[in-house]
Full PDB file with SEQRES, HELIX, SHEET, SSBOND, CRYST1, ORIGX, SCALE, CONECT and MASTER records, all heavy atoms in Angstrom:
SEQRES   1 A   40  SER LEU SER LEU ARG ARG SER ALA LEU ARG LEU ALA PRO          
SEQRES   2 A   40  LEU VAL PHE VAL ARG PRO GLY GLU LEU ARG ALA ALA GLU          
SEQRES   3 A   40  TRP ALA GLU ILE ASN LEU ASP ARG ALA GLU TRP ASN ILE          
SEQRES   4 A   40  SER                                                          
HELIX    1 AA1 LEU A    2  VAL A   15  1                                  14    
HELIX    2 AA2 PRO A   19  ARG A   23  1                                   5    
HELIX    3 AA3 TRP A   27  GLU A   29  5                                   3    
SHEET    1 AA1 2 ILE A  30  ASN A  31  0                                        
SHEET    2 AA1 2 GLU A  36  TRP A  37 -1                                        
CRYST1    1.000    1.000    1.000  90.00  90.00  90.00 P 1           1          
ORIGX1      1.000000  0.000000  0.000000        0.00000                         
ORIGX2      0.000000  1.000000  0.000000        0.00000                         
ORIGX3      0.000000  0.000000  1.000000        0.00000                         
SCALE1      1.000000  0.000000  0.000000        0.00000                         
SCALE2      0.000000  1.000000  0.000000        0.00000                         
SCALE3      0.000000  0.000000  1.000000        0.00000                         
ATOM      1  N   SER A   1      -2.467 -11.679  25.782  1.00  0.00           N  
ATOM      2  CA  SER A   1      -3.114 -12.549  24.803  1.00  0.00           C  
ATOM      3  C   SER A   1      -4.621 -12.338  24.732  1.00  0.00           C  
ATOM      4  O   SER A   1      -5.213 -12.455  23.668  1.00  0.00           O  
ATOM      5  CB  SER A   1      -2.784 -14.014  25.071  1.00  0.00           C  
ATOM      6  OG  SER A   1      -3.228 -14.398  26.348  1.00  0.00           O  
ATOM      7  N   LEU A   2      -5.282 -12.001  25.843  1.00  0.00           N  
ATOM      8  CA  LEU A   2      -6.716 -11.741  25.816  1.00  0.00           C  
ATOM      9  C   LEU A   2      -7.009 -10.515  24.960  1.00  0.00           C  
ATOM     10  O   LEU A   2      -7.927 -10.524  24.138  1.00  0.00           O  
ATOM     11  CB  LEU A   2      -7.261 -11.542  27.231  1.00  0.00           C  
ATOM     12  CG  LEU A   2      -8.750 -11.242  27.325  1.00  0.00           C  
ATOM     13  CD1 LEU A   2      -9.565 -12.390  26.731  1.00  0.00           C  
ATOM     14  CD2 LEU A   2      -9.151 -11.002  28.764  1.00  0.00           C  
ATOM     15  N   SER A   3      -6.211  -9.474  25.110  1.00  0.00           N  
ATOM     16  CA  SER A   3      -6.366  -8.275  24.301  1.00  0.00           C  
ATOM     17  C   SER A   3      -6.153  -8.573  22.818  1.00  0.00           C  
ATOM     18  O   SER A   3      -6.851  -8.032  21.961  1.00  0.00           O  
ATOM     19  CB  SER A   3      -5.371  -7.211  24.767  1.00  0.00           C  
ATOM     20  OG  SER A   3      -5.441  -6.072  23.955  1.00  0.00           O  
ATOM     21  N   LEU A   4      -5.209  -9.466  22.509  1.00  0.00           N  
ATOM     22  CA  LEU A   4      -4.959  -9.839  21.118  1.00  0.00           C  
ATOM     23  C   LEU A   4      -6.141 -10.585  20.528  1.00  0.00           C  
ATOM     24  O   LEU A   4      -6.543 -10.327  19.394  1.00  0.00           O  
ATOM     25  CB  LEU A   4      -3.701 -10.703  21.020  1.00  0.00           C  
ATOM     26  CG  LEU A   4      -2.386 -10.015  21.341  1.00  0.00           C  
ATOM     27  CD1 LEU A   4      -1.236 -10.995  21.195  1.00  0.00           C  
ATOM     28  CD2 LEU A   4      -2.176  -8.813  20.456  1.00  0.00           C  
ATOM     29  N   ARG A   5      -6.698 -11.508  21.291  1.00  0.00           N  
ATOM     30  CA  ARG A   5      -7.865 -12.254  20.787  1.00  0.00           C  
ATOM     31  C   ARG A   5      -9.044 -11.322  20.560  1.00  0.00           C  
ATOM     32  O   ARG A   5      -9.753 -11.432  19.564  1.00  0.00           O  
ATOM     33  CB  ARG A   5      -8.215 -13.388  21.752  1.00  0.00           C  
ATOM     34  CG  ARG A   5      -7.174 -14.493  21.748  1.00  0.00           C  
ATOM     35  CD  ARG A   5      -7.611 -15.687  22.556  1.00  0.00           C  
ATOM     36  NE  ARG A   5      -7.896 -15.373  23.940  1.00  0.00           N  
ATOM     37  CZ  ARG A   5      -7.075 -15.601  24.956  1.00  0.00           C  
ATOM     38  NH1 ARG A   5      -5.889 -16.150  24.737  1.00  0.00           N  
ATOM     39  NH2 ARG A   5      -7.424 -15.297  26.185  1.00  0.00           N  
ATOM     40  N   ARG A   6      -9.235 -10.399  21.471  1.00  0.00           N  
ATOM     41  CA  ARG A   6     -10.318  -9.422  21.327  1.00  0.00           C  
ATOM     42  C   ARG A   6     -10.092  -8.579  20.065  1.00  0.00           C  
ATOM     43  O   ARG A   6     -11.019  -8.333  19.292  1.00  0.00           O  
ATOM     44  CB  ARG A   6     -10.376  -8.533  22.569  1.00  0.00           C  
ATOM     45  CG  ARG A   6     -11.547  -7.582  22.569  1.00  0.00           C  
ATOM     46  CD  ARG A   6     -11.607  -6.737  23.840  1.00  0.00           C  
ATOM     47  NE  ARG A   6     -11.739  -7.580  25.019  1.00  0.00           N  
ATOM     48  CZ  ARG A   6     -10.919  -7.532  26.079  1.00  0.00           C  
ATOM     49  NH1 ARG A   6      -9.911  -6.672  26.106  1.00  0.00           N  
ATOM     50  NH2 ARG A   6     -11.106  -8.316  27.110  1.00  0.00           N  
ATOM     51  N   SER A   7      -8.866  -8.168  19.844  1.00  0.00           N  
ATOM     52  CA  SER A   7      -8.550  -7.372  18.655  1.00  0.00           C  
ATOM     53  C   SER A   7      -8.753  -8.179  17.375  1.00  0.00           C  
ATOM     54  O   SER A   7      -9.226  -7.647  16.377  1.00  0.00           O  
ATOM     55  CB  SER A   7      -7.111  -6.854  18.730  1.00  0.00           C  
ATOM     56  OG  SER A   7      -6.982  -5.944  19.792  1.00  0.00           O  
ATOM     57  N   ALA A   8      -8.396  -9.453  17.406  1.00  0.00           N  
ATOM     58  CA  ALA A   8      -8.620 -10.311  16.239  1.00  0.00           C  
ATOM     59  C   ALA A   8     -10.110 -10.418  15.938  1.00  0.00           C  
ATOM     60  O   ALA A   8     -10.522 -10.366  14.775  1.00  0.00           O  
ATOM     61  CB  ALA A   8      -8.017 -11.697  16.473  1.00  0.00           C  
ATOM     62  N   LEU A   9     -10.929 -10.544  16.977  1.00  0.00           N  
ATOM     63  CA  LEU A   9     -12.388 -10.593  16.779  1.00  0.00           C  
ATOM     64  C   LEU A   9     -12.908  -9.274  16.214  1.00  0.00           C  
ATOM     65  O   LEU A   9     -13.841  -9.273  15.404  1.00  0.00           O  
ATOM     66  CB  LEU A   9     -13.096 -10.914  18.094  1.00  0.00           C  
ATOM     67  CG  LEU A   9     -13.062 -12.356  18.534  1.00  0.00           C  
ATOM     68  CD1 LEU A   9     -13.586 -12.504  19.963  1.00  0.00           C  
ATOM     69  CD2 LEU A   9     -13.870 -13.230  17.578  1.00  0.00           C  
ATOM     70  N   ARG A  10     -12.344  -8.169  16.626  1.00  0.00           N  
ATOM     71  CA  ARG A  10     -12.761  -6.865  16.103  1.00  0.00           C  
ATOM     72  C   ARG A  10     -12.322  -6.685  14.655  1.00  0.00           C  
ATOM     73  O   ARG A  10     -13.020  -6.045  13.863  1.00  0.00           O  
ATOM     74  CB  ARG A  10     -12.166  -5.739  16.958  1.00  0.00           C  
ATOM     75  CG  ARG A  10     -12.767  -5.631  18.346  1.00  0.00           C  
ATOM     76  CD  ARG A  10     -12.057  -4.598  19.212  1.00  0.00           C  
ATOM     77  NE  ARG A  10     -12.001  -3.283  18.592  1.00  0.00           N  
ATOM     78  CZ  ARG A  10     -11.015  -2.408  18.803  1.00  0.00           C  
ATOM     79  NH1 ARG A  10      -9.998  -2.713  19.600  1.00  0.00           N  
ATOM     80  NH2 ARG A  10     -11.027  -1.242  18.220  1.00  0.00           N  
ATOM     81  N   LEU A  11     -11.176  -7.221  14.308  1.00  0.00           N  
ATOM     82  CA  LEU A  11     -10.610  -7.044  12.969  1.00  0.00           C  
ATOM     83  C   LEU A  11     -11.256  -7.973  11.930  1.00  0.00           C  
ATOM     84  O   LEU A  11     -11.421  -7.587  10.774  1.00  0.00           O  
ATOM     85  CB  LEU A  11      -9.105  -7.275  13.034  1.00  0.00           C  
ATOM     86  CG  LEU A  11      -8.251  -6.726  11.919  1.00  0.00           C  
ATOM     87  CD1 LEU A  11      -8.469  -5.239  11.696  1.00  0.00           C  
ATOM     88  CD2 LEU A  11      -6.783  -6.995  12.220  1.00  0.00           C  
ATOM     89  N   ALA A  12     -11.619  -9.169  12.337  1.00  0.00           N  
ATOM     90  CA  ALA A  12     -12.132 -10.178  11.399  1.00  0.00           C  
ATOM     91  C   ALA A  12     -13.276  -9.680  10.504  1.00  0.00           C  
ATOM     92  O   ALA A  12     -13.228  -9.880   9.284  1.00  0.00           O  
ATOM     93  CB  ALA A  12     -12.547 -11.447  12.154  1.00  0.00           C  
ATOM     94  N   PRO A  13     -14.302  -9.017  11.045  1.00  0.00           N  
ATOM     95  CA  PRO A  13     -15.387  -8.574  10.158  1.00  0.00           C  
ATOM     96  C   PRO A  13     -15.033  -7.366   9.296  1.00  0.00           C  
ATOM     97  O   PRO A  13     -15.828  -6.954   8.449  1.00  0.00           O  
ATOM     98  CB  PRO A  13     -16.527  -8.245  11.124  1.00  0.00           C  
ATOM     99  CG  PRO A  13     -15.880  -7.974  12.420  1.00  0.00           C  
ATOM    100  CD  PRO A  13     -14.625  -8.803  12.450  1.00  0.00           C  
ATOM    101  N   LEU A  14     -13.837  -6.823   9.478  1.00  0.00           N  
ATOM    102  CA  LEU A  14     -13.412  -5.674   8.675  1.00  0.00           C  
ATOM    103  C   LEU A  14     -12.520  -6.074   7.502  1.00  0.00           C  
ATOM    104  O   LEU A  14     -12.358  -5.293   6.565  1.00  0.00           O  
ATOM    105  CB  LEU A  14     -12.659  -4.669   9.558  1.00  0.00           C  
ATOM    106  CG  LEU A  14     -13.458  -4.037  10.699  1.00  0.00           C  
ATOM    107  CD1 LEU A  14     -12.538  -3.220  11.594  1.00  0.00           C  
ATOM    108  CD2 LEU A  14     -14.586  -3.177  10.145  1.00  0.00           C  
ATOM    109  N   VAL A  15     -11.932  -7.263   7.567  1.00  0.00           N  
ATOM    110  CA  VAL A  15     -10.963  -7.644   6.537  1.00  0.00           C  
ATOM    111  C   VAL A  15     -11.382  -8.851   5.700  1.00  0.00           C  
ATOM    112  O   VAL A  15     -10.851  -9.078   4.623  1.00  0.00           O  
ATOM    113  CB  VAL A  15      -9.561  -7.892   7.145  1.00  0.00           C  
ATOM    114  CG1 VAL A  15      -8.984  -6.589   7.695  1.00  0.00           C  
ATOM    115  CG2 VAL A  15      -9.587  -8.957   8.208  1.00  0.00           C  
ATOM    116  N   PHE A  16     -12.311  -9.658   6.196  1.00  0.00           N  
ATOM    117  CA  PHE A  16     -12.874 -10.788   5.446  1.00  0.00           C  
ATOM    118  C   PHE A  16     -11.839 -11.772   4.914  1.00  0.00           C  
ATOM    119  O   PHE A  16     -11.956 -12.254   3.798  1.00  0.00           O  
ATOM    120  CB  PHE A  16     -13.745 -10.304   4.291  1.00  0.00           C  
ATOM    121  CG  PHE A  16     -14.860  -9.394   4.708  1.00  0.00           C  
ATOM    122  CD1 PHE A  16     -15.097  -8.219   4.020  1.00  0.00           C  
ATOM    123  CD2 PHE A  16     -15.668  -9.705   5.784  1.00  0.00           C  
ATOM    124  CE1 PHE A  16     -16.130  -7.374   4.391  1.00  0.00           C  
ATOM    125  CE2 PHE A  16     -16.702  -8.867   6.165  1.00  0.00           C  
ATOM    126  CZ  PHE A  16     -16.940  -7.694   5.462  1.00  0.00           C  
ATOM    127  N   VAL A  17     -10.830 -12.064   5.704  1.00  0.00           N  
ATOM    128  CA  VAL A  17      -9.844 -13.066   5.309  1.00  0.00           C  
ATOM    129  C   VAL A  17     -10.118 -14.358   6.085  1.00  0.00           C  
ATOM    130  O   VAL A  17     -10.869 -14.363   7.056  1.00  0.00           O  
ATOM    131  CB  VAL A  17      -8.396 -12.596   5.563  1.00  0.00           C  
ATOM    132  CG1 VAL A  17      -8.070 -11.374   4.709  1.00  0.00           C  
ATOM    133  CG2 VAL A  17      -8.145 -12.310   7.035  1.00  0.00           C  
ATOM    134  N   ARG A  18      -9.504 -15.435   5.647  1.00  0.00           N  
ATOM    135  CA  ARG A  18      -9.632 -16.700   6.362  1.00  0.00           C  
ATOM    136  C   ARG A  18      -8.991 -16.560   7.742  1.00  0.00           C  
ATOM    137  O   ARG A  18      -8.026 -15.802   7.916  1.00  0.00           O  
ATOM    138  CB  ARG A  18      -8.944 -17.819   5.578  1.00  0.00           C  
ATOM    139  CG  ARG A  18      -9.656 -18.163   4.294  1.00  0.00           C  
ATOM    140  CD  ARG A  18      -8.887 -19.196   3.481  1.00  0.00           C  
ATOM    141  NE  ARG A  18      -9.608 -19.502   2.260  1.00  0.00           N  
ATOM    142  CZ  ARG A  18      -9.520 -18.799   1.131  1.00  0.00           C  
ATOM    143  NH1 ARG A  18      -8.706 -17.758   1.070  1.00  0.00           N  
ATOM    144  NH2 ARG A  18     -10.230 -19.134   0.074  1.00  0.00           N  
ATOM    145  N   PRO A  19      -9.501 -17.314   8.723  1.00  0.00           N  
ATOM    146  CA  PRO A  19      -8.946 -17.213  10.075  1.00  0.00           C  
ATOM    147  C   PRO A  19      -7.435 -17.466  10.132  1.00  0.00           C  
ATOM    148  O   PRO A  19      -6.724 -16.784  10.878  1.00  0.00           O  
ATOM    149  CB  PRO A  19      -9.706 -18.290  10.858  1.00  0.00           C  
ATOM    150  CG  PRO A  19     -10.989 -18.465  10.110  1.00  0.00           C  
ATOM    151  CD  PRO A  19     -10.652 -18.216   8.666  1.00  0.00           C  
ATOM    152  N   GLY A  20      -6.931 -18.407   9.360  1.00  0.00           N  
ATOM    153  CA  GLY A  20      -5.494 -18.690   9.360  1.00  0.00           C  
ATOM    154  C   GLY A  20      -4.674 -17.532   8.829  1.00  0.00           C  
ATOM    155  O   GLY A  20      -3.557 -17.275   9.295  1.00  0.00           O  
ATOM    156  N   GLU A  21      -5.212 -16.835   7.846  1.00  0.00           N  
ATOM    157  CA  GLU A  21      -4.516 -15.668   7.298  1.00  0.00           C  
ATOM    158  C   GLU A  21      -4.491 -14.540   8.318  1.00  0.00           C  
ATOM    159  O   GLU A  21      -3.483 -13.838   8.454  1.00  0.00           O  
ATOM    160  CB  GLU A  21      -5.191 -15.219   6.008  1.00  0.00           C  
ATOM    161  CG  GLU A  21      -5.040 -16.245   4.896  1.00  0.00           C  
ATOM    162  CD  GLU A  21      -6.123 -16.168   3.831  1.00  0.00           C  
ATOM    163  OE1 GLU A  21      -7.019 -15.302   3.932  1.00  0.00           O  
ATOM    164  OE2 GLU A  21      -6.082 -16.994   2.901  1.00  0.00           O  
ATOM    165  N   LEU A  22      -5.580 -14.372   9.056  1.00  0.00           N  
ATOM    166  CA  LEU A  22      -5.644 -13.324  10.069  1.00  0.00           C  
ATOM    167  C   LEU A  22      -4.687 -13.619  11.219  1.00  0.00           C  
ATOM    168  O   LEU A  22      -3.863 -12.782  11.585  1.00  0.00           O  
ATOM    169  CB  LEU A  22      -7.068 -13.179  10.604  1.00  0.00           C  
ATOM    170  CG  LEU A  22      -7.262 -12.130  11.701  1.00  0.00           C  
ATOM    171  CD1 LEU A  22      -6.916 -10.739  11.196  1.00  0.00           C  
ATOM    172  CD2 LEU A  22      -8.685 -12.180  12.224  1.00  0.00           C  
ATOM    173  N   ARG A  23      -4.762 -14.824  11.772  1.00  0.00           N  
ATOM    174  CA  ARG A  23      -3.955 -15.132  12.957  1.00  0.00           C  
ATOM    175  C   ARG A  23      -2.463 -15.137  12.646  1.00  0.00           C  
ATOM    176  O   ARG A  23      -1.649 -14.857  13.510  1.00  0.00           O  
ATOM    177  CB  ARG A  23      -4.388 -16.439  13.606  1.00  0.00           C  
ATOM    178  CG  ARG A  23      -4.051 -17.652  12.826  1.00  0.00           C  
ATOM    179  CD  ARG A  23      -4.412 -18.945  13.556  1.00  0.00           C  
ATOM    180  NE  ARG A  23      -3.935 -20.075  12.810  1.00  0.00           N  
ATOM    181  CZ  ARG A  23      -2.686 -20.518  12.821  1.00  0.00           C  
ATOM    182  NH1 ARG A  23      -1.794 -19.922  13.567  1.00  0.00           N  
ATOM    183  NH2 ARG A  23      -2.326 -21.534  12.083  1.00  0.00           N  
ATOM    184  N   ALA A  24      -2.077 -15.415  11.382  1.00  0.00           N  
ATOM    185  CA  ALA A  24      -0.665 -15.443  11.002  1.00  0.00           C  
ATOM    186  C   ALA A  24      -0.212 -14.159  10.313  1.00  0.00           C  
ATOM    187  O   ALA A  24       0.855 -14.119   9.704  1.00  0.00           O  
ATOM    188  CB  ALA A  24      -0.395 -16.652  10.106  1.00  0.00           C  
ATOM    189  N   ALA A  25      -1.010 -13.102  10.420  1.00  0.00           N  
ATOM    190  CA  ALA A  25      -0.637 -11.816   9.812  1.00  0.00           C  
ATOM    191  C   ALA A  25       0.721 -11.363  10.347  1.00  0.00           C  
ATOM    192  O   ALA A  25       0.998 -11.470  11.536  1.00  0.00           O  
ATOM    193  CB  ALA A  25      -1.694 -10.760  10.119  1.00  0.00           C  
ATOM    194  N   GLU A  26       1.539 -10.865   9.437  1.00  0.00           N  
ATOM    195  CA  GLU A  26       2.870 -10.381   9.803  1.00  0.00           C  
ATOM    196  C   GLU A  26       2.937  -8.873   9.606  1.00  0.00           C  
ATOM    197  O   GLU A  26       2.376  -8.333   8.645  1.00  0.00           O  
ATOM    198  CB  GLU A  26       3.931 -11.078   8.950  1.00  0.00           C  
ATOM    199  CG  GLU A  26       3.966 -12.573   9.161  1.00  0.00           C  
ATOM    200  CD  GLU A  26       5.055 -13.266   8.368  1.00  0.00           C  
ATOM    201  OE1 GLU A  26       5.992 -12.574   7.911  1.00  0.00           O  
ATOM    202  OE2 GLU A  26       4.967 -14.494   8.215  1.00  0.00           O  
ATOM    203  N   TRP A  27       3.645  -8.214  10.483  1.00  0.00           N  
ATOM    204  CA  TRP A  27       3.776  -6.761  10.381  1.00  0.00           C  
ATOM    205  C   TRP A  27       4.417  -6.345   9.062  1.00  0.00           C  
ATOM    206  O   TRP A  27       4.084  -5.287   8.522  1.00  0.00           O  
ATOM    207  CB  TRP A  27       4.549  -6.193  11.569  1.00  0.00           C  
ATOM    208  CG  TRP A  27       3.706  -6.157  12.809  1.00  0.00           C  
ATOM    209  CD1 TRP A  27       3.871  -6.878  13.946  1.00  0.00           C  
ATOM    210  CD2 TRP A  27       2.527  -5.364  13.009  1.00  0.00           C  
ATOM    211  NE1 TRP A  27       2.873  -6.583  14.842  1.00  0.00           N  
ATOM    212  CE2 TRP A  27       2.041  -5.650  14.296  1.00  0.00           C  
ATOM    213  CE3 TRP A  27       1.838  -4.442  12.220  1.00  0.00           C  
ATOM    214  CZ2 TRP A  27       0.899  -5.046  14.818  1.00  0.00           C  
ATOM    215  CZ3 TRP A  27       0.698  -3.844  12.746  1.00  0.00           C  
ATOM    216  CH2 TRP A  27       0.242  -4.147  14.022  1.00  0.00           C  
ATOM    217  N   ALA A  28       5.285  -7.163   8.512  1.00  0.00           N  
ATOM    218  CA  ALA A  28       5.945  -6.834   7.245  1.00  0.00           C  
ATOM    219  C   ALA A  28       4.950  -6.749   6.086  1.00  0.00           C  
ATOM    220  O   ALA A  28       5.224  -6.125   5.072  1.00  0.00           O  
ATOM    221  CB  ALA A  28       7.021  -7.872   6.941  1.00  0.00           C  
ATOM    222  N   GLU A  29       3.790  -7.371   6.229  1.00  0.00           N  
ATOM    223  CA  GLU A  29       2.764  -7.369   5.178  1.00  0.00           C  
ATOM    224  C   GLU A  29       1.875  -6.131   5.231  1.00  0.00           C  
ATOM    225  O   GLU A  29       1.150  -5.848   4.285  1.00  0.00           O  
ATOM    226  CB  GLU A  29       1.845  -8.594   5.331  1.00  0.00           C  
ATOM    227  CG  GLU A  29       2.530  -9.914   5.267  1.00  0.00           C  
ATOM    228  CD  GLU A  29       1.623 -11.068   5.634  1.00  0.00           C  
ATOM    229  OE1 GLU A  29       0.661 -10.894   6.413  1.00  0.00           O  
ATOM    230  OE2 GLU A  29       1.886 -12.183   5.139  1.00  0.00           O  
ATOM    231  N   ILE A  30       1.909  -5.422   6.332  1.00  0.00           N  
ATOM    232  CA  ILE A  30       0.938  -4.349   6.577  1.00  0.00           C  
ATOM    233  C   ILE A  30       1.584  -2.979   6.442  1.00  0.00           C  
ATOM    234  O   ILE A  30       2.638  -2.710   7.015  1.00  0.00           O  
ATOM    235  CB  ILE A  30       0.314  -4.518   7.973  1.00  0.00           C  
ATOM    236  CG1 ILE A  30      -0.479  -5.829   7.999  1.00  0.00           C  
ATOM    237  CG2 ILE A  30      -0.560  -3.333   8.342  1.00  0.00           C  
ATOM    238  CD1 ILE A  30      -0.981  -6.242   9.338  1.00  0.00           C  
ATOM    239  N   ASN A  31       0.926  -2.126   5.654  1.00  0.00           N  
ATOM    240  CA  ASN A  31       1.355  -0.743   5.499  1.00  0.00           C  
ATOM    241  C   ASN A  31       0.232   0.133   6.039  1.00  0.00           C  
ATOM    242  O   ASN A  31      -0.787   0.342   5.369  1.00  0.00           O  
ATOM    243  CB  ASN A  31       1.637  -0.427   4.027  1.00  0.00           C  
ATOM    244  CG  ASN A  31       2.200   0.967   3.841  1.00  0.00           C  
ATOM    245  OD1 ASN A  31       1.815   1.906   4.541  1.00  0.00           O  
ATOM    246  ND2 ASN A  31       3.100   1.109   2.883  1.00  0.00           N  
ATOM    247  N   LEU A  32       0.403   0.610   7.268  1.00  0.00           N  
ATOM    248  CA  LEU A  32      -0.650   1.395   7.906  1.00  0.00           C  
ATOM    249  C   LEU A  32      -0.834   2.759   7.250  1.00  0.00           C  
ATOM    250  O   LEU A  32      -1.953   3.262   7.178  1.00  0.00           O  
ATOM    251  CB  LEU A  32      -0.352   1.562   9.397  1.00  0.00           C  
ATOM    252  CG  LEU A  32      -0.392   0.261  10.206  1.00  0.00           C  
ATOM    253  CD1 LEU A  32       0.079   0.503  11.631  1.00  0.00           C  
ATOM    254  CD2 LEU A  32      -1.782  -0.346  10.185  1.00  0.00           C  
ATOM    255  N   ASP A  33       0.236   3.352   6.745  1.00  0.00           N  
ATOM    256  CA  ASP A  33       0.129   4.661   6.100  1.00  0.00           C  
ATOM    257  C   ASP A  33      -0.681   4.586   4.806  1.00  0.00           C  
ATOM    258  O   ASP A  33      -1.413   5.510   4.474  1.00  0.00           O  
ATOM    259  CB  ASP A  33       1.511   5.240   5.822  1.00  0.00           C  
ATOM    260  CG  ASP A  33       2.263   5.562   7.105  1.00  0.00           C  
ATOM    261  OD1 ASP A  33       1.608   5.901   8.120  1.00  0.00           O  
ATOM    262  OD2 ASP A  33       3.504   5.463   7.104  1.00  0.00           O  
ATOM    263  N   ARG A  34      -0.552   3.483   4.086  1.00  0.00           N  
ATOM    264  CA  ARG A  34      -1.312   3.295   2.835  1.00  0.00           C  
ATOM    265  C   ARG A  34      -2.617   2.542   3.060  1.00  0.00           C  
ATOM    266  O   ARG A  34      -3.386   2.350   2.132  1.00  0.00           O  
ATOM    267  CB  ARG A  34      -0.454   2.556   1.821  1.00  0.00           C  
ATOM    268  CG  ARG A  34       0.721   3.423   1.354  1.00  0.00           C  
ATOM    269  CD  ARG A  34       1.597   2.750   0.369  1.00  0.00           C  
ATOM    270  NE  ARG A  34       0.844   2.268  -0.778  1.00  0.00           N  
ATOM    271  CZ  ARG A  34       1.356   1.568  -1.763  1.00  0.00           C  
ATOM    272  NH1 ARG A  34       2.633   1.255  -1.736  1.00  0.00           N  
ATOM    273  NH2 ARG A  34       0.628   1.167  -2.763  1.00  0.00           N  
ATOM    274  N   ALA A  35      -2.850   2.093   4.304  1.00  0.00           N  
ATOM    275  CA  ALA A  35      -4.051   1.336   4.671  1.00  0.00           C  
ATOM    276  C   ALA A  35      -4.207   0.096   3.788  1.00  0.00           C  
ATOM    277  O   ALA A  35      -5.253  -0.151   3.202  1.00  0.00           O  
ATOM    278  CB  ALA A  35      -5.303   2.217   4.621  1.00  0.00           C  
ATOM    279  N   GLU A  36      -3.107  -0.690   3.722  1.00  0.00           N  
ATOM    280  CA  GLU A  36      -3.095  -1.899   2.898  1.00  0.00           C  
ATOM    281  C   GLU A  36      -2.448  -3.053   3.646  1.00  0.00           C  
ATOM    282  O   GLU A  36      -1.492  -2.873   4.402  1.00  0.00           O  
ATOM    283  CB  GLU A  36      -2.296  -1.681   1.613  1.00  0.00           C  
ATOM    284  CG  GLU A  36      -2.891  -0.697   0.671  1.00  0.00           C  
ATOM    285  CD  GLU A  36      -2.020  -0.488  -0.562  1.00  0.00           C  
ATOM    286  OE1 GLU A  36      -0.837  -0.905  -0.573  1.00  0.00           O  
ATOM    287  OE2 GLU A  36      -2.527   0.110  -1.515  1.00  0.00           O  
ATOM    288  N   TRP A  37      -2.963  -4.230   3.376  1.00  0.00           N  
ATOM    289  CA  TRP A  37      -2.382  -5.469   3.882  1.00  0.00           C  
ATOM    290  C   TRP A  37      -2.126  -6.340   2.672  1.00  0.00           C  
ATOM    291  O   TRP A  37      -3.049  -6.767   1.993  1.00  0.00           O  
ATOM    292  CB  TRP A  37      -3.336  -6.122   4.857  1.00  0.00           C  
ATOM    293  CG  TRP A  37      -2.928  -7.454   5.402  1.00  0.00           C  
ATOM    294  CD1 TRP A  37      -1.708  -8.054   5.333  1.00  0.00           C  
ATOM    295  CD2 TRP A  37      -3.766  -8.354   6.118  1.00  0.00           C  
ATOM    296  NE1 TRP A  37      -1.739  -9.274   5.958  1.00  0.00           N  
ATOM    297  CE2 TRP A  37      -2.998  -9.488   6.457  1.00  0.00           C  
ATOM    298  CE3 TRP A  37      -5.097  -8.322   6.510  1.00  0.00           C  
ATOM    299  CZ2 TRP A  37      -3.520 -10.564   7.149  1.00  0.00           C  
ATOM    300  CZ3 TRP A  37      -5.613  -9.394   7.207  1.00  0.00           C  
ATOM    301  CH2 TRP A  37      -4.830 -10.496   7.528  1.00  0.00           C  
ATOM    302  N   ASN A  38      -0.861  -6.590   2.373  1.00  0.00           N  
ATOM    303  CA  ASN A  38      -0.469  -7.409   1.224  1.00  0.00           C  
ATOM    304  C   ASN A  38      -0.086  -8.801   1.713  1.00  0.00           C  
ATOM    305  O   ASN A  38       0.985  -8.979   2.294  1.00  0.00           O  
ATOM    306  CB  ASN A  38       0.722  -6.780   0.496  1.00  0.00           C  
ATOM    307  CG  ASN A  38       0.316  -5.539  -0.257  1.00  0.00           C  
ATOM    308  OD1 ASN A  38      -0.370  -5.631  -1.247  1.00  0.00           O  
ATOM    309  ND2 ASN A  38       0.710  -4.379   0.252  1.00  0.00           N  
ATOM    310  N   ILE A  39      -0.957  -9.766   1.456  1.00  0.00           N  
ATOM    311  CA  ILE A  39      -0.690 -11.143   1.873  1.00  0.00           C  
ATOM    312  C   ILE A  39      -0.017 -11.853   0.703  1.00  0.00           C  
ATOM    313  O   ILE A  39      -0.536 -11.861  -0.413  1.00  0.00           O  
ATOM    314  CB  ILE A  39      -1.982 -11.871   2.269  1.00  0.00           C  
ATOM    315  CG1 ILE A  39      -2.747 -11.066   3.325  1.00  0.00           C  
ATOM    316  CG2 ILE A  39      -1.663 -13.271   2.789  1.00  0.00           C  
ATOM    317  CD1 ILE A  39      -4.119 -11.626   3.658  1.00  0.00           C  
ATOM    318  N   SER A  40       1.132 -12.442   0.975  1.00  0.00           N  
ATOM    319  CA  SER A  40       1.895 -13.086  -0.093  1.00  0.00           C  
ATOM    320  C   SER A  40       1.183 -14.323  -0.624  1.00  0.00           C  
ATOM    321  O   SER A  40       0.384 -14.950   0.076  1.00  0.00           O  
ATOM    322  CB  SER A  40       3.293 -13.464   0.406  1.00  0.00           C  
ATOM    323  OG  SER A  40       3.200 -14.508   1.348  1.00  0.00           O  
TER     324      SER A  40                                                      
MASTER        0    0    0    3    2    0    0    6  323    1    0    4          
END                                                                             
């Protein structure tokens, strides 16, 4: 969990989403090959 929190802090300034959207991100929303995160 410490590593996850650290990663969330690293990711937050790169994606500019609300904290609730970041913490509840689902793998099904993310396409790493296309470098996209589609939030429903």
